[in-house]
Amino acid sequence: MGEGLEVVLGEIPVVYLLEMGSERLILFPTNTRIIVARVGKRGAGAMAGAGLLGRLSGALEDLFKGGRESLSKRGLGSLSPEKILGSDRNNFSISYSEVVSVKILRTPFTTSIMLLTHREKLEFSTRMSVDRVVTILGKNLGSRLAVKIVE
């Protein structure tokens, strides 16, 4: 293995809330950067939890989109970092030198990840355990990574 070789260190499936709906993404931390790969979007129906119709709409959307997304998601993990990045025009990467801080918050139901760069603040949620997220991200973030547990 050459010293200049970029290696994917793990996968963190996350959800990013949009103004209307949400977007499913996978974070692929490598030894040089974090690649953010798009898996799929969910419309407002998936987010409308107030009424029965909203919940049914979200469930139907998950049912129809879920299979297609899981097929594309399975294939991403076996690709090289450059191919992951190029697999969708909306994929992007964040160099570790751009990261100001990463805060991980564990709540009873989810793990939240707040990533602050010099240009933007990105907030994600995942079902992955805090320990696993810290193991994957901590290798390259060091003291810029903070964890908070809310019981």
Protein backbone atom coordinates (compact mmCIF):
# COMPACT_ATOMS: atom_id res chain seq x y z
CA MET A 1 0.00 0.00 0.00
CA GLY A 2 1.54 3.32 -1.08
CA GLU A 3 1.63 6.32 1.22
CA GLY A 4 -0.42 8.47 -1.18
CA LEU A 5 -3.26 5.96 -1.42
CA GLU A 6 -6.62 7.24 -0.16
CA VAL A 7 -8.51 4.65 1.87
CA VAL A 8 -12.16 4.63 2.99
CA LEU A 9 -12.21 4.12 6.78
CA GLY A 10 -15.92 3.36 7.13
CA GLU A 11 -19.48 4.31 6.24
CA ILE A 12 -21.92 6.39 8.27
CA PRO A 13 -25.48 6.37 6.87
CA VAL A 14 -27.11 9.70 7.79
CA VAL A 15 -30.22 11.79 7.19
CA TYR A 16 -30.01 15.51 6.41
CA LEU A 17 -33.20 17.51 6.98
CA LEU A 18 -34.25 19.76 4.12
CA GLU A 19 -36.81 22.56 4.20
CA MET A 20 -39.34 20.13 2.72
CA GLY A 21 -38.44 16.52 3.44
CA SER A 22 -35.06 14.94 4.01
CA GLU A 23 -32.12 13.52 2.15
CA ARG A 24 -30.43 10.21 2.84
CA LEU A 25 -26.66 10.36 2.57
CA ILE A 26 -23.65 8.24 3.43
CA LEU A 27 -20.55 9.80 4.95
CA PHE A 28 -17.40 8.03 3.78
CA PRO A 29 -14.50 9.22 5.96
CA THR A 30 -11.16 8.49 4.31
CA ASN A 31 -7.64 9.14 5.53
CA THR A 32 -7.68 12.59 3.83
CA ARG A 33 -11.31 13.80 3.73
CA ILE A 34 -14.98 13.05 4.31
CA ILE A 35 -16.94 12.17 1.17
CA VAL A 36 -20.66 12.96 1.35
CA ALA A 37 -22.58 10.67 -1.02
CA ARG A 38 -26.23 11.15 -1.92
CA VAL A 39 -28.47 8.09 -1.63
CA GLY A 40 -31.96 9.58 -2.06
CA LYS A 41 -34.49 12.20 -1.07
CA ARG A 42 -37.72 11.95 0.83
CA GLY A 43 -40.52 14.37 0.12
CA ALA A 44 -42.62 16.36 2.51
CA GLY A 45 -44.93 13.35 2.96
CA ALA A 46 -42.25 11.48 4.88
CA MET A 47 -41.85 14.40 7.25
CA ALA A 48 -45.52 15.20 7.78
CA GLY A 49 -46.14 13.25 10.96
CA ALA A 50 -49.12 15.27 12.14
CA GLY A 51 -51.81 13.36 10.31
CA LEU A 52 -52.51 9.78 9.32
CA LEU A 53 -52.32 10.71 5.63
CA GLY A 54 -48.84 12.19 6.11
CA ARG A 55 -47.59 9.03 7.83
CA LEU A 56 -49.08 6.80 5.13
CA SER A 57 -47.55 8.96 2.41
CA GLY A 58 -44.11 8.73 4.02
CA ALA A 59 -44.42 4.97 4.48
CA LEU A 60 -45.41 4.48 0.84
CA GLU A 61 -42.52 6.63 -0.32
CA ASP A 62 -40.11 4.55 1.80
CA LEU A 63 -41.56 1.35 0.37
CA PHE A 64 -41.17 2.42 -3.27
CA LYS A 65 -37.84 4.20 -2.99
CA GLY A 66 -36.18 2.01 -0.37
CA GLY A 67 -35.29 -0.92 -2.65
CA ARG A 68 -33.73 1.27 -5.32
CA GLU A 69 -31.76 3.21 -2.72
CA SER A 70 -30.47 0.11 -0.97
CA LEU A 71 -29.19 -1.25 -4.28
CA SER A 72 -27.27 1.93 -5.00
CA LYS A 73 -26.09 2.16 -1.38
CA ARG A 74 -24.69 -1.38 -1.43
CA GLY A 75 -22.63 -0.61 -4.52
CA LEU A 76 -21.06 2.58 -3.15
CA GLY A 77 -19.11 0.93 -0.36
CA SER A 78 -17.10 -1.18 -2.78
CA LEU A 79 -16.01 1.79 -4.93
CA SER A 80 -12.82 3.81 -4.68
CA PRO A 81 -13.10 7.27 -3.07
CA GLU A 82 -12.91 8.98 -6.48
CA LYS A 83 -15.64 6.74 -7.91
CA ILE A 84 -17.87 7.35 -4.88
CA LEU A 85 -17.41 11.08 -5.39
CA GLY A 86 -18.14 10.81 -9.11
CA SER A 87 -21.16 8.51 -8.78
CA ASP A 88 -23.53 11.48 -8.38
CA ARG A 89 -23.03 15.09 -9.42
CA ASN A 90 -24.31 16.22 -5.99
CA ASN A 91 -21.68 14.24 -4.05
CA PHE A 92 -18.94 16.35 -2.49
CA SER A 93 -16.02 16.08 -0.12
CA ILE A 94 -14.77 17.99 2.89
CA SER A 95 -11.05 18.04 3.56
CA TYR A 96 -10.08 17.52 7.20
CA SER A 97 -8.23 20.85 7.02
CA GLU A 98 -11.61 22.57 6.37
CA VAL A 99 -13.21 21.05 9.49
CA VAL A 100 -13.38 23.42 12.46
CA SER A 101 -15.25 21.03 14.77
CA VAL A 102 -17.52 18.00 14.87
CA LYS A 103 -20.00 17.59 17.72
CA ILE A 104 -21.69 14.26 18.25
CA LEU A 105 -24.81 14.22 20.42
CA ARG A 106 -26.40 10.99 21.58
CA THR A 107 -30.06 11.20 22.42
CA PRO A 108 -32.26 8.28 23.46
CA PHE A 109 -33.29 7.57 19.85
CA THR A 110 -30.61 8.91 17.49
CA THR A 111 -27.07 10.14 17.15
CA SER A 112 -26.73 13.70 15.84
CA ILE A 113 -23.62 14.90 14.03
CA MET A 114 -22.95 18.64 13.68
CA LEU A 115 -20.04 19.29 11.35
CA LEU A 116 -18.74 22.86 11.23
CA THR A 117 -16.39 23.90 8.42
CA HIS A 118 -14.94 27.28 7.52
CA ARG A 119 -17.84 27.72 5.06
CA GLU A 120 -20.88 25.93 6.46
CA LYS A 121 -22.61 24.05 9.25
CA LEU A 122 -24.01 20.61 8.38
CA GLU A 123 -26.31 18.69 10.72
CA PHE A 124 -27.00 14.99 10.25
CA SER A 125 -28.71 12.25 12.24
CA THR A 126 -27.94 8.54 12.22
CA ARG A 127 -29.02 5.35 13.94
CA MET A 128 -25.38 4.28 14.24
CA SER A 129 -24.01 4.16 17.78
CA VAL A 130 -21.95 7.05 19.10
CA ASP A 131 -19.03 4.70 19.74
CA ARG A 132 -18.97 3.54 16.11
CA VAL A 133 -19.23 7.12 14.77
CA VAL A 134 -16.40 8.24 17.05
CA THR A 135 -14.26 5.27 16.00
CA ILE A 136 -14.70 6.11 12.30
CA LEU A 137 -14.39 9.91 12.53
CA GLY A 138 -12.01 10.24 15.47
CA LYS A 139 -8.96 8.91 13.65
CA ASN A 140 -8.49 12.13 11.70
CA LEU A 141 -10.27 14.76 13.79
CA GLY A 142 -8.57 14.39 17.16
CA SER A 143 -9.41 17.28 19.51
CA ARG A 144 -11.87 18.79 16.99
CA LEU A 145 -14.30 15.97 17.85
CA ALA A 146 -16.56 16.40 20.90
CA VAL A 147 -19.17 13.98 22.25
CA LYS A 148 -22.18 14.79 24.42
CA ILE A 149 -24.60 12.21 25.87
CA VAL A 150 -28.19 13.23 26.65
CA GLU A 151 -30.10 10.70 28.74
